[in-house]
């Protein structure tokens, strides 16, 4: 569920951020790793 919330938060920032998150999910990173990424990675 934590990952779904992260997806919603990123999707509300920008479509680019959401697409980037999907790429990260393909690498099967867990939600803790996603949360530890710098915000710059989603810009």
Protein backbone atom coordinates (compact mmCIF):
# COMPACT_ATOMS: atom_id res chain seq x y z
CA UNK A 1 0.00 0.00 0.00
CA UNK A 2 2.89 2.33 0.73
CA UNK A 3 4.02 2.09 -2.87
CA UNK A 4 0.56 2.94 -4.16
CA UNK A 5 0.54 6.08 -2.02
CA UNK A 6 3.95 7.02 -3.41
CA UNK A 7 2.63 6.55 -6.95
CA UNK A 8 -0.30 8.86 -6.23
CA UNK A 9 1.98 11.51 -4.73
CA UNK A 10 4.34 11.43 -7.70
CA UNK A 11 1.51 11.36 -10.21
CA UNK A 12 0.20 14.58 -8.66
CA UNK A 13 3.61 16.22 -9.14
CA UNK A 14 4.00 15.58 -12.86
CA UNK A 15 3.47 12.90 -15.51
CA UNK A 16 7.25 12.75 -15.92
CA UNK A 17 7.69 11.82 -12.27
CA UNK A 18 5.04 9.13 -12.60
CA UNK A 19 6.73 7.68 -15.69
CA UNK A 20 10.07 7.69 -13.90
CA UNK A 21 8.54 5.82 -10.98
CA UNK A 22 7.21 3.16 -13.35
CA UNK A 23 10.74 2.74 -14.70
CA UNK A 24 12.02 2.30 -11.14
CA UNK A 25 9.31 -0.25 -10.43
CA UNK A 26 10.55 -2.29 -13.39
CA UNK A 27 13.81 -2.60 -11.48
CA UNK A 28 11.76 -3.96 -8.57
CA UNK A 29 13.00 -1.44 -6.03
CA UNK A 30 11.09 -1.54 -2.79
CA UNK A 31 9.24 1.48 -1.40
CA UNK A 32 12.02 2.27 1.08
CA UNK A 33 14.52 2.63 -1.75
CA UNK A 34 12.12 4.84 -3.69
CA UNK A 35 11.54 7.09 -0.69
CA UNK A 36 15.29 7.46 -0.16
CA UNK A 37 15.84 8.83 -3.67
CA UNK A 38 16.48 12.58 -3.90
CA UNK A 39 13.61 14.69 -5.21
CA UNK A 40 15.87 15.79 -8.07
CA UNK A 41 15.51 12.30 -9.53
CA UNK A 42 11.86 13.04 -10.25
CA UNK A 43 12.33 16.41 -11.89
